[in-house]
Amino acid sequence: MKKPPVSADSPRKCAVYTRKSTTAGLEQEFNSLDAQREACVAYVNRQQNWKLLDEHYDDGGFTGANTDRPAFQRLMADVESGKVDIVVVYKVDRLSRSLLDFAKVMERLDKAGASFVSVTQNFSTADAMGRLTMNLLASFAEFEREMISERTRDKIAASRRRGKWTGGPCPFGYNVVDKKLTINELEAPIVREAFEVLLQHRRMATVAAVMNERERLPRKTKRLDEKPQWTKDTIAKLLRNPLYGGLMMYRDERHPGEHPAIIDPVTFQRAQVVLAGRERHLKFHGLNFDYILRGLIKCGKCGKPMTPASTRKGRSVYRYYRCTTRDKRGTDACDVLPLAAGAIEDYVVDRIAEASLGPTLMADIEQALAARLAAKRQTLATVKEKAPDIIAEHSSKASKLVDELTRLEGRSRGVAAAKLRAETDLLTSAERSLADAERGLVEVLGAIADLKPVLRVLGNFKELWGVMTPTNRVRMLSALIDEVRVHEQDGSVNIALIDFANEEAA
């Protein structure tokens, strides 16, 4: 809320804001922030009826590309609470280097009745020329930031191509000393052992399990109560990292690195051949419609999904479903064996066929769909009854405000514009409610149309299943089954059908 006008005799409360993008030099007795503040304080002291606040708003080591800065947030909170009348900065880019953020800050200051002053770029925001100057300065500040970013990216690319380390999380097995990678003598043997285990067992899940069993563990995580463990994914990331073979990556390029290699080039290359070979022999079929339980089947022991996979021996292909927990974390996390795809698929289809012969399945589905359709029709009728009056009311108000805007100027025009935006939002909301209700009815009608073939199939399931395409089989089961949970311990399979009656009707 905008604060009331300040009396001409009341001193204007001034807050100095300073910012520096990096922390370099901030440890000095007199640093860049001090220099900015000194210039701003001198400017404030030269003005009539200005009072400098004791509160310091200093952001050292924060970029101007965004407004996520602690001192800046405190400053804006104090401005909006009426504690600050004038914000004083050394240069415009100290406040923000983003034109969009700068415009938003100016809007917040205007709403709070506060002013903005740059002591080295003297201009007034009270006239059109001053506002143009301010926007130009903000544009150049943003341009300068983008140019710095481009130069930084180019420098990183050139450094990487020379094999230099350019920063980031320190890789396992290395230390960063004077901006260079050096071998960590405690972690490097773990890396070498991981490559040896891979060449011996040739499976990443086995490598993770063996390393965990031998207590050759990764670095501790941020959560101190969580014991670090290798998983299939983390061990794969380590084994594929070209850094360990003495190479430096830049995007898809590989260049000889300045850092010492932990793994000799021959061993590293042998490991990459093994990893590539595993990928060729084990294929996961994310969208293969031959797996009709894809996305439906779950492990009964850990509750995680089971994913389609296959192996090839000679000309024969063996399909199965694998527990994703076992794939990622090994047998210690879940020891459920791969499940033959054909056997479980036949079992589920037989159970669906038996259910389709019963007297209640199709009747329950039809009754549930009819109830959802009735609920959607009632919602649409209610909205249609109220929406026209609401839309007419807000359309009339918006029309009057548009006429008023053409007559008003200055702050009164801004108030009217804000009211117009509010009325437009309410009008849009009413129109959206009507559109959503109509869309909801159409969606239910579409669902019924989609399920009509399913219901016909259920009435003659056994005969039609044999001639359906794999794609239609997947769609059929997805329309009926919520999940299939397989319990290897006792050999049981739980098939949960979709509860049409309790589906959300909204």
Protein backbone atom coordinates (compact mmCIF):
# COMPACT_ATOMS: atom_id res chain seq x y z
CA MET A 1 0.00 0.00 0.00
CA LYS A 2 1.29 3.44 -0.91
CA LYS A 3 2.22 5.52 2.12
CA PRO A 4 0.70 9.01 2.68
CA PRO A 5 2.58 12.04 1.35
CA VAL A 6 5.51 13.25 3.45
CA SER A 7 5.29 16.76 4.91
CA ALA A 8 7.60 19.29 3.31
CA ASP A 9 9.22 19.90 6.70
CA SER A 10 9.82 16.21 7.42
CA PRO A 11 13.33 14.95 6.63
CA ARG A 12 13.54 12.42 3.82
CA LYS A 13 14.88 9.11 5.16
CA CYS A 14 17.70 7.83 2.91
CA ALA A 15 19.11 4.30 2.67
CA VAL A 16 22.38 3.56 0.87
CA TYR A 17 22.55 0.27 -1.05
CA THR A 18 25.87 -1.21 -2.21
CA ARG A 19 26.68 -4.38 -4.16
CA LYS A 20 29.72 -6.23 -5.51
CA SER A 21 29.45 -9.29 -7.76
CA THR A 22 32.41 -11.20 -6.24
CA THR A 23 33.87 -11.62 -2.78
CA ALA A 24 37.40 -10.80 -3.98
CA GLY A 25 38.86 -7.96 -1.93
CA LEU A 26 36.03 -7.78 0.59
CA GLU A 27 38.41 -8.85 3.32
CA GLN A 28 40.35 -5.59 2.94
CA GLU A 29 39.94 -2.84 5.52
CA PHE A 30 38.56 -0.46 2.87
CA ASN A 31 36.87 -2.34 0.04
CA SER A 32 34.60 -1.62 -2.93
CA LEU A 33 31.46 -1.59 -0.79
CA ASP A 34 33.02 0.97 1.53
CA ALA A 35 34.00 3.14 -1.45
CA GLN A 36 30.44 3.03 -2.85
CA ARG A 37 28.94 3.88 0.53
CA GLU A 38 31.35 6.77 1.10
CA ALA A 39 30.38 8.38 -2.21
CA CYS A 40 26.67 7.92 -1.48
CA VAL A 41 26.96 9.30 2.06
CA ALA A 42 28.77 12.38 0.76
CA TYR A 43 25.98 12.93 -1.77
CA VAL A 44 23.26 12.61 0.88
CA ASN A 45 25.04 15.04 3.20
CA ARG A 46 25.01 17.70 0.45
CA GLN A 47 21.22 17.57 0.08
CA GLN A 48 18.76 19.72 2.02
CA ASN A 49 16.38 17.95 4.41
CA TRP A 50 17.79 14.45 3.74
CA LYS A 51 18.53 12.16 6.68
CA LEU A 52 20.84 9.16 6.31
CA LEU A 53 19.67 5.97 8.05
CA ASP A 54 22.17 4.02 10.16
CA GLU A 55 21.10 0.69 8.67
CA HIS A 56 23.60 -0.77 6.18
CA TYR A 57 22.36 -2.61 3.06
CA ASP A 58 25.47 -4.27 1.62
CA ASP A 59 25.51 -7.32 -0.70
CA GLY A 60 29.04 -8.60 -1.19
CA GLY A 61 29.45 -11.51 -3.61
CA PHE A 62 25.97 -11.29 -5.21
CA THR A 63 25.23 -10.96 -8.92
CA GLY A 64 23.05 -8.19 -10.33
CA ALA A 65 21.42 -10.64 -12.75
CA ASN A 66 18.61 -11.29 -10.25
CA THR A 67 17.16 -9.83 -7.05
CA ASP A 68 17.82 -12.84 -4.82
CA ARG A 69 20.08 -10.89 -2.47
CA PRO A 70 19.59 -10.71 1.32
CA ALA A 71 20.41 -7.03 1.86
CA PHE A 72 18.36 -6.00 -1.17
CA GLN A 73 15.34 -7.94 0.10
CA ARG A 74 15.69 -6.24 3.52
CA LEU A 75 15.88 -2.86 1.78
CA MET A 76 12.71 -3.42 -0.27
CA ALA A 77 10.87 -4.65 2.82
CA ASP A 78 11.86 -1.45 4.67
CA VAL A 79 10.82 0.67 1.68
CA GLU A 80 7.39 -0.95 1.55
CA SER A 81 6.94 -0.58 5.32
CA GLY A 82 7.65 3.17 5.09
CA LYS A 83 11.05 3.18 6.79
CA VAL A 84 12.86 4.43 3.67
CA ASP A 85 11.92 7.39 1.44
CA ILE A 86 14.93 7.48 -0.90
CA VAL A 87 17.17 4.64 -2.12
CA VAL A 88 20.68 5.87 -2.94
CA VAL A 89 23.14 3.84 -5.05
CA TYR A 90 26.53 4.55 -6.59
CA LYS A 91 25.44 3.45 -10.11
CA VAL A 92 22.24 2.07 -11.62
CA ASP A 93 23.81 -1.36 -12.23
CA ARG A 94 24.47 -1.74 -8.47
CA LEU A 95 20.70 -2.06 -8.04
CA SER A 96 20.13 -4.47 -10.96
CA ARG A 97 21.68 -5.57 -14.25
CA SER A 98 18.40 -6.97 -15.57
CA LEU A 99 16.09 -4.55 -17.37
CA LEU A 100 13.01 -6.58 -16.39
CA ASP A 101 14.02 -6.72 -12.71
CA PHE A 102 14.89 -3.02 -12.78
CA ALA A 103 11.44 -2.13 -14.10
CA LYS A 104 9.80 -4.23 -11.38
CA VAL A 105 11.91 -2.53 -8.68
CA MET A 106 10.93 0.89 -10.00
CA GLU A 107 7.28 -0.14 -9.88
CA ARG A 108 7.63 -1.27 -6.25
CA LEU A 109 9.34 1.98 -5.31
CA ASP A 110 6.61 4.00 -7.03
CA LYS A 111 3.86 2.11 -5.22
CA ALA A 112 5.59 2.76 -1.90
CA GLY A 113 6.04 6.46 -2.71
CA ALA A 114 9.83 6.14 -2.56
CA SER A 115 12.46 7.69 -4.84
CA PHE A 116 15.62 6.36 -6.45
CA VAL A 117 18.93 8.23 -6.86
CA SER A 118 22.17 7.26 -8.61
CA VAL A 119 24.92 9.56 -7.34
CA THR A 120 27.23 9.19 -10.40
CA GLN A 121 24.48 9.33 -13.05
CA ASN A 122 22.52 12.45 -12.29
CA PHE A 123 18.98 12.36 -13.68
CA SER A 124 15.42 12.81 -12.46
CA THR A 125 12.61 10.32 -12.93
CA ALA A 126 10.01 13.07 -12.67
CA ASP A 127 9.88 13.67 -16.43
CA ALA A 128 9.80 11.58 -19.61
CA MET A 129 13.43 12.31 -20.53
CA GLY A 130 14.63 11.19 -17.09
CA ARG A 131 12.68 7.95 -17.32
CA LEU A 132 14.11 7.33 -20.81
CA THR A 133 17.62 7.93 -19.49
CA MET A 134 17.03 5.52 -16.60
CA ASN A 135 15.78 2.78 -18.94
CA LEU A 136 18.72 3.31 -21.30
CA LEU A 137 21.17 2.96 -18.43
CA ALA A 138 19.43 -0.20 -17.24
CA SER A 139 19.53 -1.58 -20.81
CA PHE A 140 23.26 -0.95 -21.08
CA ALA A 141 23.80 -2.59 -17.68
CA GLU A 142 21.98 -5.70 -18.89
CA PHE A 143 23.94 -5.63 -22.15
CA GLU A 144 27.21 -5.43 -20.20
CA ARG A 145 26.18 -8.41 -18.04
CA GLU A 146 25.34 -10.50 -21.12
CA MET A 147 28.67 -9.59 -22.75
CA ILE A 148 30.50 -10.65 -19.59
CA SER A 149 28.60 -13.95 -19.66
CA GLU A 150 29.53 -14.55 -23.30
CA ARG A 151 33.19 -13.80 -22.65
CA THR A 152 33.14 -16.13 -19.65
CA ARG A 153 31.63 -18.96 -21.72
CA ASP A 154 34.22 -18.45 -24.46
CA LYS A 155 37.02 -18.48 -21.89
CA ILE A 156 35.72 -21.71 -20.34
CA ALA A 157 35.51 -23.34 -23.80
CA ALA A 158 39.08 -22.31 -24.66
CA SER A 159 40.39 -23.49 -21.27
CA ARG A 160 38.63 -26.87 -21.56
CA ARG A 161 40.05 -27.41 -25.04
CA ARG A 162 43.49 -26.84 -23.55
CA GLY A 163 42.74 -29.49 -20.95
CA LYS A 164 42.40 -27.10 -18.03
CA TRP A 165 40.00 -27.59 -15.10
CA THR A 166 37.50 -24.71 -15.03
CA GLY A 167 35.68 -25.41 -11.79
CA GLY A 168 32.54 -27.15 -10.60
CA PRO A 169 32.03 -30.00 -8.10
CA CYS A 170 35.33 -31.70 -7.36
CA PRO A 171 35.30 -35.20 -8.95
CA PHE A 172 35.65 -38.21 -6.67
CA GLY A 173 39.31 -39.24 -6.59
CA TYR A 174 40.67 -35.71 -7.02
CA ASN A 175 41.37 -32.58 -4.99
CA VAL A 176 41.37 -29.04 -6.33
CA VAL A 177 44.61 -27.22 -5.48
CA ASP A 178 45.36 -23.80 -6.98
CA LYS A 179 42.51 -24.30 -9.47
CA LYS A 180 44.04 -27.55 -10.71
CA LEU A 181 43.07 -31.19 -10.19
CA THR A 182 45.44 -33.28 -8.11
CA ILE A 183 45.03 -36.92 -7.13
CA ASN A 184 43.38 -37.65 -3.78
CA GLU A 185 45.47 -40.52 -2.43
CA LEU A 186 42.60 -41.82 -0.27
CA GLU A 187 39.93 -41.86 -2.97
CA ALA A 188 41.99 -42.73 -6.07
CA PRO A 189 42.47 -46.41 -5.00
CA ILE A 190 38.66 -46.74 -4.78
CA VAL A 191 38.36 -45.51 -8.37
CA ARG A 192 41.00 -47.98 -9.57
CA GLU A 193 39.31 -50.81 -7.70
CA ALA A 194 35.95 -49.96 -9.29
CA PHE A 195 37.46 -50.30 -12.77
CA GLU A 196 39.10 -53.62 -11.80
CA VAL A 197 35.78 -54.99 -10.50
CA LEU A 198 34.04 -53.91 -13.73
CA LEU A 199 36.60 -55.73 -15.91
CA GLN A 200 36.18 -58.80 -13.69
CA HIS A 201 32.36 -58.96 -13.38
CA ARG A 202 31.32 -56.82 -16.38
CA ARG A 203 28.09 -55.58 -14.71
CA MET A 204 27.60 -52.15 -13.14
CA ALA A 205 25.08 -53.38 -10.55
CA THR A 206 27.61 -55.99 -9.45
CA VAL A 207 30.34 -53.35 -9.25
CA ALA A 208 28.14 -51.21 -6.98
CA ALA A 209 27.27 -54.19 -4.77
CA VAL A 210 30.90 -55.35 -4.45
CA MET A 211 32.18 -51.86 -3.64
CA ASN A 212 29.48 -51.39 -0.98
CA GLU A 213 30.24 -54.79 0.51
CA ARG A 214 33.95 -53.98 0.74
CA GLU A 215 33.11 -50.62 2.37
CA ARG A 216 34.81 -48.79 -0.50
CA LEU A 217 32.22 -46.05 -0.38
CA PRO A 218 31.71 -42.64 -2.04
CA ARG A 219 31.96 -39.32 -0.24
CA LYS A 220 29.47 -38.54 2.49
CA THR A 221 26.33 -36.76 1.42
CA LYS A 222 25.01 -33.54 2.92
CA ARG A 223 22.67 -35.62 5.06
CA LEU A 224 24.91 -36.81 7.86
CA ASP A 225 22.39 -39.45 8.97
CA GLU A 226 22.50 -41.11 5.55
CA LYS A 227 25.26 -43.64 4.87
CA PRO A 228 26.76 -43.11 1.39
CA GLN A 229 26.26 -46.04 -0.97
CA TRP A 230 27.15 -46.76 -4.56
CA THR A 231 24.19 -47.32 -6.86
CA LYS A 232 24.16 -48.55 -10.43
CA ASP A 233 23.71 -44.97 -11.65
CA THR A 234 26.46 -43.40 -9.54
CA ILE A 235 28.97 -46.15 -10.32
CA ALA A 236 28.13 -45.85 -14.03
CA LYS A 237 28.76 -42.09 -13.86
CA LEU A 238 32.17 -42.74 -12.30
CA LEU A 239 33.15 -45.49 -14.76
CA ARG A 240 32.19 -43.39 -17.80
CA ASN A 241 33.90 -40.18 -16.65
CA PRO A 242 36.73 -39.33 -19.12
CA LEU A 243 38.56 -37.38 -16.40
CA TYR A 244 39.86 -40.62 -14.90
CA GLY A 245 41.49 -41.50 -18.25
CA GLY A 246 43.32 -38.16 -18.35
CA LEU A 247 40.82 -36.45 -20.67
CA MET A 248 38.96 -33.16 -20.31
CA MET A 249 35.41 -32.79 -21.65
CA TYR A 250 33.83 -29.80 -23.37
CA ARG A 251 30.32 -30.72 -24.45
CA ASP A 252 30.82 -33.72 -26.78
CA GLU A 253 34.51 -33.01 -27.33
CA ARG A 254 37.37 -34.81 -25.56
CA HIS A 255 40.78 -33.19 -25.15
CA PRO A 256 44.00 -34.28 -23.37
CA GLY A 257 43.86 -32.92 -19.84
CA GLU A 258 46.51 -31.18 -17.78
CA HIS A 259 45.50 -33.23 -14.72
CA PRO A 260 47.08 -36.60 -13.89
CA ALA A 261 45.11 -39.68 -14.95
CA ILE A 262 44.00 -42.12 -12.23
CA ILE A 263 43.33 -44.90 -14.77
CA ASP A 264 45.82 -45.71 -17.53
CA PRO A 265 44.43 -45.15 -21.05
CA VAL A 266 44.41 -48.86 -21.97
CA THR A 267 42.39 -49.87 -18.89
CA PHE A 268 40.01 -46.96 -19.34
CA GLN A 269 39.39 -47.89 -22.98
CA ARG A 270 38.79 -51.56 -22.05
CA ALA A 271 36.21 -50.43 -19.48
CA GLN A 272 34.39 -48.31 -22.07
CA VAL A 273 34.21 -51.32 -24.41
CA VAL A 274 32.69 -53.41 -21.61
CA LEU A 275 30.14 -50.69 -20.82
CA ALA A 276 29.21 -50.34 -24.49
CA GLY A 277 28.87 -54.12 -24.76
CA ARG A 278 26.49 -54.27 -21.80
CA GLU A 279 24.33 -51.65 -23.45
CA ARG A 280 24.11 -53.69 -26.65
CA HIS A 281 23.11 -56.94 -24.93
CA LEU A 282 20.57 -55.48 -22.51
CA LYS A 283 17.85 -53.41 -24.13
CA PHE A 284 15.08 -51.63 -22.31
CA HIS A 285 11.94 -51.08 -24.35
CA GLY A 286 10.37 -47.89 -23.02
CA LEU A 287 7.66 -47.75 -25.70
CA ASN A 288 7.60 -51.37 -26.92
CA PHE A 289 3.93 -52.40 -27.14
CA ASP A 290 4.90 -56.07 -26.98
CA TYR A 291 5.08 -55.53 -23.19
CA ILE A 292 1.36 -55.20 -22.48
CA LEU A 293 1.91 -54.62 -18.73
CA ARG A 294 4.32 -51.75 -19.31
CA GLY A 295 3.65 -49.06 -16.69
CA LEU A 296 1.24 -51.30 -14.74
CA ILE A 297 3.40 -53.96 -13.09
CA LYS A 298 5.15 -53.35 -9.74
CA CYS A 299 7.44 -55.31 -7.45
CA GLY A 300 5.57 -56.70 -4.46
CA LYS A 301 8.64 -56.53 -2.21
CA CYS A 302 9.84 -52.94 -2.65
CA GLY A 303 6.78 -51.44 -4.34
CA LYS A 304 8.78 -49.92 -7.19
CA PRO A 305 7.84 -50.32 -10.89
CA MET A 306 9.15 -53.23 -12.93
CA THR A 307 10.58 -52.24 -16.28
CA PRO A 308 10.55 -54.18 -19.57
CA ALA A 309 13.85 -55.72 -20.68
CA SER A 310 15.12 -58.50 -22.93
CA THR A 311 18.17 -60.63 -23.61
CA ARG A 312 19.20 -62.38 -26.79
CA LYS A 313 20.82 -65.79 -27.07
CA GLY A 314 21.51 -66.73 -30.65
CA ARG A 315 18.31 -66.09 -32.55
CA SER A 316 16.08 -66.32 -29.48
CA VAL A 317 14.86 -63.26 -27.58
CA TYR A 318 13.78 -63.67 -23.96
CA ARG A 319 11.42 -61.01 -22.58
CA TYR A 320 11.03 -60.23 -18.90
CA TYR A 321 10.22 -57.51 -16.34
CA ARG A 322 12.97 -56.33 -13.97
CA CYS A 323 12.64 -54.54 -10.63
CA THR A 324 14.01 -51.00 -11.01
CA THR A 325 15.30 -50.97 -7.42
CA ARG A 326 17.47 -54.02 -8.11
CA ASP A 327 18.67 -52.47 -11.37
CA LYS A 328 19.76 -49.24 -9.69
CA ARG A 329 20.95 -50.40 -6.26
CA GLY A 330 21.70 -54.10 -6.61
CA THR A 331 20.42 -57.23 -4.87
CA ASP A 332 21.04 -55.87 -1.36
CA ALA A 333 18.25 -53.34 -1.91
CA CYS A 334 15.85 -55.81 -3.58
CA ASP A 335 16.64 -59.41 -4.50
CA VAL A 336 13.55 -60.08 -6.61
CA LEU A 337 14.52 -62.02 -9.75
CA PRO A 338 13.54 -60.95 -13.28
CA LEU A 339 10.01 -62.07 -14.10
CA ALA A 340 9.24 -63.91 -17.35
CA ALA A 341 7.06 -61.52 -19.35
CA GLY A 342 5.00 -64.15 -21.16
CA ALA A 343 3.92 -66.01 -18.02
CA ILE A 344 2.75 -62.97 -16.04
CA GLU A 345 1.04 -61.43 -19.08
CA ASP A 346 -0.90 -64.65 -19.78
CA TYR A 347 -1.94 -64.87 -16.11
CA VAL A 348 -3.28 -61.29 -16.06
CA VAL A 349 -5.15 -61.72 -19.34
CA ASP A 350 -6.77 -64.96 -18.07
CA ARG A 351 -7.96 -63.19 -14.91
CA ILE A 352 -9.45 -60.32 -16.97
CA ALA A 353 -11.19 -62.86 -19.20
CA GLU A 354 -12.70 -64.58 -16.14
CA ALA A 355 -13.88 -61.23 -14.73
CA SER A 356 -15.49 -60.24 -18.04
CA LEU A 357 -17.69 -63.34 -17.91
CA GLY A 358 -19.11 -62.29 -14.52
CA PRO A 359 -22.42 -60.44 -14.27
CA THR A 360 -21.21 -57.25 -12.54
CA LEU A 361 -18.02 -55.93 -14.16
CA MET A 362 -19.54 -54.21 -17.22
CA ALA A 363 -22.59 -53.05 -15.24
CA ASP A 364 -20.36 -51.44 -12.60
CA ILE A 365 -18.29 -49.63 -15.24
CA GLU A 366 -21.35 -48.35 -17.09
CA GLN A 367 -22.98 -47.20 -13.83
CA ALA A 368 -19.82 -45.37 -12.73
CA LEU A 369 -19.48 -43.61 -16.10
CA ALA A 370 -23.15 -42.58 -16.01
CA ALA A 371 -22.65 -41.09 -12.53
CA ARG A 372 -19.60 -39.09 -13.69
CA LEU A 373 -21.51 -37.83 -16.73
CA ALA A 374 -24.45 -36.71 -14.55
CA ALA A 375 -22.08 -34.87 -12.17
CA LYS A 376 -20.39 -33.04 -15.06
CA ARG A 377 -23.75 -32.04 -16.54
CA GLN A 378 -24.89 -30.68 -13.17
CA THR A 379 -21.68 -28.67 -12.79
CA LEU A 380 -22.10 -27.21 -16.27
CA ALA A 381 -25.74 -26.31 -15.61
CA THR A 382 -24.81 -24.51 -12.36
CA VAL A 383 -22.00 -22.54 -14.02
CA LYS A 384 -24.17 -21.63 -17.01
CA GLU A 385 -26.84 -20.30 -14.65
CA LYS A 386 -24.46 -17.93 -12.84
CA ALA A 387 -21.75 -17.15 -15.41
CA PRO A 388 -23.74 -14.86 -17.79
CA ASP A 389 -24.69 -12.42 -14.99
CA ILE A 390 -21.10 -12.37 -13.67
CA ILE A 391 -19.65 -11.85 -17.14
CA ALA A 392 -22.16 -9.07 -17.93
CA GLU A 393 -21.42 -7.29 -14.62
CA HIS A 394 -17.64 -7.26 -15.04
CA SER A 395 -17.89 -6.43 -18.76
CA SER A 396 -19.95 -3.34 -17.88
CA LYS A 397 -17.48 -2.25 -15.20
CA ALA A 398 -14.52 -2.81 -17.52
CA SER A 399 -16.20 -0.76 -20.27
CA LYS A 400 -16.76 2.17 -17.88
CA LEU A 401 -13.15 2.03 -16.70
CA VAL A 402 -11.88 2.10 -20.28
CA ASP A 403 -13.90 5.29 -20.88
CA GLU A 404 -12.55 6.74 -17.62
CA LEU A 405 -8.95 5.98 -18.60
CA THR A 406 -9.23 8.19 -21.69
CA ARG A 407 -10.06 11.20 -19.49
CA LEU A 408 -7.61 10.72 -16.59
CA GLU A 409 -3.91 11.52 -16.34
CA GLY A 410 -1.03 10.92 -13.92
CA ARG A 411 -1.54 8.80 -10.80
CA SER A 412 -5.34 8.77 -11.16
CA ARG A 413 -4.88 7.05 -14.48
CA GLY A 414 -2.66 4.42 -12.80
CA VAL A 415 -5.35 3.72 -10.17
CA ALA A 416 -8.00 3.34 -12.89
CA ALA A 417 -5.70 1.04 -14.88
CA ALA A 418 -5.21 -1.16 -11.80
CA LYS A 419 -8.98 -1.39 -11.33
CA LEU A 420 -9.39 -2.27 -15.00
CA ARG A 421 -6.83 -5.08 -14.67
CA ALA A 422 -8.71 -6.45 -11.64
CA GLU A 423 -12.05 -6.38 -13.48
CA THR A 424 -10.46 -8.02 -16.52
CA ASP A 425 -9.02 -10.78 -14.32
CA LEU A 426 -12.47 -11.43 -12.78
CA LEU A 427 -14.06 -11.46 -16.23
CA THR A 428 -11.42 -13.87 -17.52
CA SER A 429 -11.92 -16.09 -14.46
CA ALA A 430 -15.69 -16.29 -15.05
CA GLU A 431 -15.19 -17.10 -18.73
CA ARG A 432 -12.58 -19.71 -17.82
CA SER A 433 -14.93 -21.38 -15.33
CA LEU A 434 -17.56 -21.73 -18.04
CA ALA A 435 -15.01 -23.08 -20.52
CA ASP A 436 -13.63 -25.54 -17.91
CA ALA A 437 -17.13 -26.86 -17.16
CA GLU A 438 -17.85 -27.38 -20.84
CA ARG A 439 -14.45 -29.02 -21.33
CA GLY A 440 -15.08 -31.35 -18.38
CA LEU A 441 -18.32 -32.56 -19.93
CA VAL A 442 -16.63 -33.11 -23.29
CA GLU A 443 -13.81 -35.07 -21.61
CA VAL A 444 -16.28 -37.43 -19.90
CA LEU A 445 -18.19 -37.89 -23.15
CA GLY A 446 -14.87 -38.63 -24.84
CA ALA A 447 -13.94 -41.13 -22.13
CA ILE A 448 -17.27 -42.88 -22.60
CA ALA A 449 -16.70 -42.98 -26.35
CA ASP A 450 -13.22 -44.43 -25.81
CA LEU A 451 -14.52 -47.06 -23.39
CA LYS A 452 -17.44 -48.22 -25.51
CA PRO A 453 -15.15 -50.43 -27.64
CA VAL A 454 -13.60 -51.71 -24.41
CA LEU A 455 -17.01 -52.66 -23.05
CA ARG A 456 -17.87 -54.44 -26.31
CA VAL A 457 -14.59 -56.33 -26.09
CA LEU A 458 -15.29 -57.32 -22.49
CA GLY A 459 -18.52 -58.95 -23.62
CA ASN A 460 -16.62 -61.13 -26.07
CA PHE A 461 -13.13 -60.92 -24.57
CA LYS A 462 -11.60 -64.33 -25.33
CA GLU A 463 -12.47 -64.27 -29.03
CA LEU A 464 -11.38 -60.69 -29.69
CA TRP A 465 -8.17 -60.71 -27.61
CA GLY A 466 -6.50 -63.11 -30.02
CA VAL A 467 -6.97 -60.80 -33.01
CA MET A 468 -6.14 -57.47 -31.29
CA THR A 469 -2.91 -55.67 -32.18
CA PRO A 470 -0.25 -55.20 -29.45
CA THR A 471 -1.03 -51.47 -29.36
CA ASN A 472 -4.74 -52.07 -28.73
CA ARG A 473 -3.94 -54.70 -26.11
CA VAL A 474 -1.87 -52.17 -24.18
CA ARG A 475 -4.64 -49.57 -24.42
CA MET A 476 -7.22 -52.11 -23.35
CA LEU A 477 -5.38 -53.14 -20.21
CA SER A 478 -4.42 -49.53 -19.37
CA ALA A 479 -8.12 -48.60 -19.49
CA LEU A 480 -9.04 -51.37 -17.02
CA ILE A 481 -6.07 -52.01 -14.71
CA ASP A 482 -4.73 -49.66 -12.03
CA GLU A 483 -1.73 -51.84 -11.15
CA VAL A 484 -0.44 -55.42 -11.09
CA ARG A 485 1.65 -56.22 -7.99
CA VAL A 486 3.75 -59.41 -8.06
CA HIS A 487 4.88 -60.98 -4.76
CA GLU A 488 7.76 -63.34 -5.49
CA GLN A 489 7.94 -64.54 -1.87
CA ASP A 490 4.61 -66.40 -1.93
CA GLY A 491 4.01 -66.46 -5.68
CA SER A 492 0.87 -64.31 -5.48
CA VAL A 493 -0.28 -61.67 -7.96
CA ASN A 494 -2.67 -58.84 -7.04
CA ILE A 495 -4.54 -57.23 -9.92
CA ALA A 496 -6.23 -53.93 -9.01
CA LEU A 497 -8.81 -52.68 -11.51
CA ILE A 498 -9.52 -48.98 -11.91
CA ASP A 499 -12.29 -47.87 -9.56
CA PHE A 500 -14.43 -45.90 -11.98
CA ALA A 501 -16.98 -45.02 -9.30
CA ASN A 502 -14.43 -43.23 -7.12
CA GLU A 503 -12.51 -41.41 -9.85
CA GLU A 504 -12.40 -37.65 -9.42
CA ALA A 505 -15.35 -36.16 -11.23
CA ALA A 506 -14.01 -32.64 -11.40
